[in-house]
Amino acid sequence: MTERTFRVTVRGSFDALSTEQRAELAAQADQHSMLFATFTTEGNLSYELAPRDVFSFRYLETGEADEDILPAGARAEAAAATWLTERGYGYKNLRSQAEDMSKAALSKRQRKAQAQG
């Protein structure tokens, strides 16, 4: 079997942040802009504190079969929860969405390159 890459996005909301936590997150906001979010194996956090306290983590996971996508989503959710808990950030409504990149539609440029090579 070949290894597949899964892109997993874990979304949620911060909950009951203290004034200090909110200030800490605001000070680091430029490093966690949603405009620069990428998928990484260790997870990439992005958030917006205004108008809502929402965040997302983007993870790259791997598997070998279709049924590996659900455990990949569960691992990503657990990793996000651990990261938030270790830093004392409250959160709610944690949910994930995973995409198998081997099944993703190719762009026009990718189809053209595939046809040429």
Protein backbone atom coordinates (compact mmCIF):
# COMPACT_ATOMS: atom_id res chain seq x y z
CA MET A 1 0.00 0.00 0.00
CA THR A 2 1.07 3.56 -0.55
CA GLU A 3 1.14 6.18 2.14
CA ARG A 4 -1.58 8.79 1.86
CA THR A 5 -1.46 12.34 3.15
CA PHE A 6 -4.43 13.73 5.03
CA ARG A 7 -4.98 17.42 5.67
CA VAL A 8 -6.85 17.84 8.93
CA THR A 9 -8.33 21.12 10.12
CA VAL A 10 -9.39 21.31 13.77
CA ARG A 11 -11.64 24.24 14.61
CA GLY A 12 -12.99 25.55 17.87
CA SER A 13 -13.47 28.59 20.07
CA PHE A 14 -11.49 29.88 22.99
CA ASP A 15 -13.55 29.81 26.17
CA ALA A 16 -13.29 31.96 29.29
CA LEU A 17 -9.91 33.49 28.49
CA SER A 18 -8.43 35.60 31.26
CA THR A 19 -7.32 39.16 30.58
CA GLU A 20 -3.70 37.96 30.68
CA GLN A 21 -4.34 35.12 28.23
CA ARG A 22 -6.18 37.43 25.86
CA ALA A 23 -3.27 39.91 26.00
CA GLU A 24 -0.77 37.09 25.39
CA LEU A 25 -2.69 35.86 22.35
CA ALA A 26 -3.13 39.40 21.03
CA ALA A 27 0.62 40.01 21.31
CA GLN A 28 1.32 36.89 19.21
CA ALA A 29 -1.55 37.37 16.75
CA ASP A 30 0.68 38.40 13.83
CA GLN A 31 2.47 35.03 14.10
CA HIS A 32 -0.86 33.18 13.98
CA SER A 33 -2.73 35.01 11.24
CA MET A 34 -5.26 32.96 9.28
CA LEU A 35 -3.75 34.48 6.12
CA PHE A 36 -0.52 32.53 6.66
CA ALA A 37 -1.94 29.21 7.89
CA THR A 38 -0.23 26.07 6.57
CA PHE A 39 -0.60 22.36 7.12
CA THR A 40 2.26 20.86 9.16
CA THR A 41 2.91 17.61 11.01
CA GLU A 42 3.26 19.44 14.33
CA GLY A 43 0.18 21.56 13.68
CA ASN A 44 -0.16 25.20 12.77
CA LEU A 45 -2.35 27.43 14.93
CA SER A 46 -4.21 30.42 13.58
CA TYR A 47 -6.82 32.50 15.36
CA GLU A 48 -8.88 35.67 15.40
CA LEU A 49 -9.88 37.15 18.71
CA ALA A 50 -12.22 39.73 17.22
CA PRO A 51 -15.10 39.55 16.51
CA ARG A 52 -15.25 35.96 17.80
CA ASP A 53 -12.65 33.97 19.72
CA VAL A 54 -12.19 31.31 17.03
CA PHE A 55 -9.12 29.27 16.19
CA SER A 56 -8.01 26.52 13.86
CA PHE A 57 -5.13 24.10 13.82
CA ARG A 58 -3.92 22.60 10.55
CA TYR A 59 -2.24 19.21 10.65
CA LEU A 60 -0.70 16.85 8.13
CA GLU A 61 -1.43 13.23 8.99
CA THR A 62 -0.74 10.02 7.10
CA GLY A 63 -2.41 6.67 6.56
CA GLU A 64 -2.57 3.81 4.13
CA ALA A 65 -6.30 3.24 3.61
CA ASP A 66 -9.61 5.08 3.49
CA GLU A 67 -10.45 4.02 7.03
CA ASP A 68 -7.29 5.75 8.36
CA ILE A 69 -8.83 9.18 7.86
CA LEU A 70 -11.08 9.00 10.95
CA PRO A 71 -8.22 8.12 13.34
CA ALA A 72 -6.16 10.90 11.71
CA GLY A 73 -8.90 13.40 12.61
CA ALA A 74 -9.09 12.05 16.15
CA ARG A 75 -5.29 12.34 16.57
CA ALA A 76 -5.38 15.93 15.34
CA GLU A 77 -8.21 16.84 17.72
CA ALA A 78 -6.32 15.24 20.62
CA ALA A 79 -3.13 17.13 19.69
CA ALA A 80 -5.02 20.44 19.54
CA ALA A 81 -6.71 19.77 22.89
CA THR A 82 -3.35 18.90 24.46
CA TRP A 83 -1.71 22.06 23.12
CA LEU A 84 -4.51 24.26 24.44
CA THR A 85 -4.71 22.48 27.82
CA GLU A 86 -0.93 22.63 28.38
CA ARG A 87 -1.10 26.42 27.97
CA GLY A 88 -4.20 26.79 30.12
CA TYR A 89 -6.44 28.04 27.32
CA GLY A 90 -10.08 27.10 27.71
CA TYR A 91 -11.82 25.92 24.56
CA LYS A 92 -15.15 24.63 23.31
CA ASN A 93 -16.77 23.17 20.19
CA LEU A 94 -13.67 21.30 19.02
CA ARG A 95 -14.34 19.57 15.69
CA SER A 96 -12.23 18.35 12.80
CA GLN A 97 -12.48 17.94 9.06
CA ALA A 98 -10.04 15.76 7.13
CA GLU A 99 -9.27 15.52 3.42
CA ASP A 100 -7.42 12.69 1.69
CA MET A 101 -5.05 14.47 -0.69
CA SER A 102 -4.84 11.41 -2.96
CA LYS A 103 -8.51 12.02 -3.77
CA ALA A 104 -8.34 15.79 -4.09
CA ALA A 105 -9.20 17.23 -7.47
CA LEU A 106 -6.25 18.41 -9.51
CA SER A 107 -6.06 22.03 -10.61
CA LYS A 108 -5.85 22.88 -14.31
CA ARG A 109 -2.09 23.46 -13.98
CA GLN A 110 -1.59 20.10 -12.21
CA ARG A 111 -3.60 18.23 -14.87
CA LYS A 112 -1.52 19.86 -17.61
CA ALA A 113 1.76 18.96 -15.88
CA GLN A 114 0.56 15.39 -15.35
CA ALA A 115 -0.35 15.07 -19.04
CA GLN A 116 3.06 16.36 -20.12
CA GLY A 117 5.11 14.23 -17.74
